[in-house]
Protein backbone atom coordinates (compact mmCIF):
# COMPACT_ATOMS: atom_id res chain seq x y z
CA UNK A 1 -16.43 5.78 11.72
CA UNK A 2 -14.07 7.56 14.06
CA UNK A 3 -12.03 10.46 12.74
CA UNK A 4 -9.09 9.54 14.98
CA UNK A 5 -9.20 6.01 13.55
CA UNK A 6 -8.97 7.51 10.07
CA UNK A 7 -6.01 9.65 11.14
CA UNK A 8 -4.19 6.64 12.59
CA UNK A 9 -4.88 4.62 9.45
CA UNK A 10 -3.53 7.43 7.27
CA UNK A 11 -0.39 7.64 9.41
CA UNK A 12 0.03 3.87 9.23
CA UNK A 13 -0.34 3.84 5.46
CA UNK A 14 2.04 6.78 5.19
CA UNK A 15 4.70 4.75 7.01
CA UNK A 16 3.97 1.32 5.52
CA UNK A 17 2.17 2.28 2.32
CA UNK A 18 5.29 2.97 0.31
CA UNK A 19 6.79 -0.49 0.80
CA UNK A 20 3.38 -2.07 0.22
CA UNK A 21 2.86 -0.13 -2.99
CA UNK A 22 6.38 -1.03 -4.09
CA UNK A 23 5.78 -4.75 -3.58
CA UNK A 24 2.38 -4.51 -5.30
CA UNK A 25 3.90 -2.82 -8.34
CA UNK A 26 6.69 -5.40 -8.46
CA UNK A 27 4.16 -8.23 -8.33
CA UNK A 28 2.08 -6.52 -11.03
CA UNK A 29 5.13 -6.19 -13.28
CA UNK A 30 5.98 -9.88 -12.80
CA UNK A 31 2.41 -10.88 -13.64
CA UNK A 32 2.47 -8.62 -16.68
CA UNK A 33 5.60 -10.37 -17.96
CA UNK A 34 4.06 -13.81 -17.39
CA UNK A 35 0.85 -12.98 -19.21
C-alpha cells in the first residue's frame, strides 16, 4: 500500500464522501420506512 495513494483517497472521500454519505443515509431511511 502506498501512503500517497492513501492520502489521495482520503482527499477524494473528503470531497465526495459527504454527498455519498448523504445519499446512503437517505436510502437507509427509505428502506427503514419500507420495512
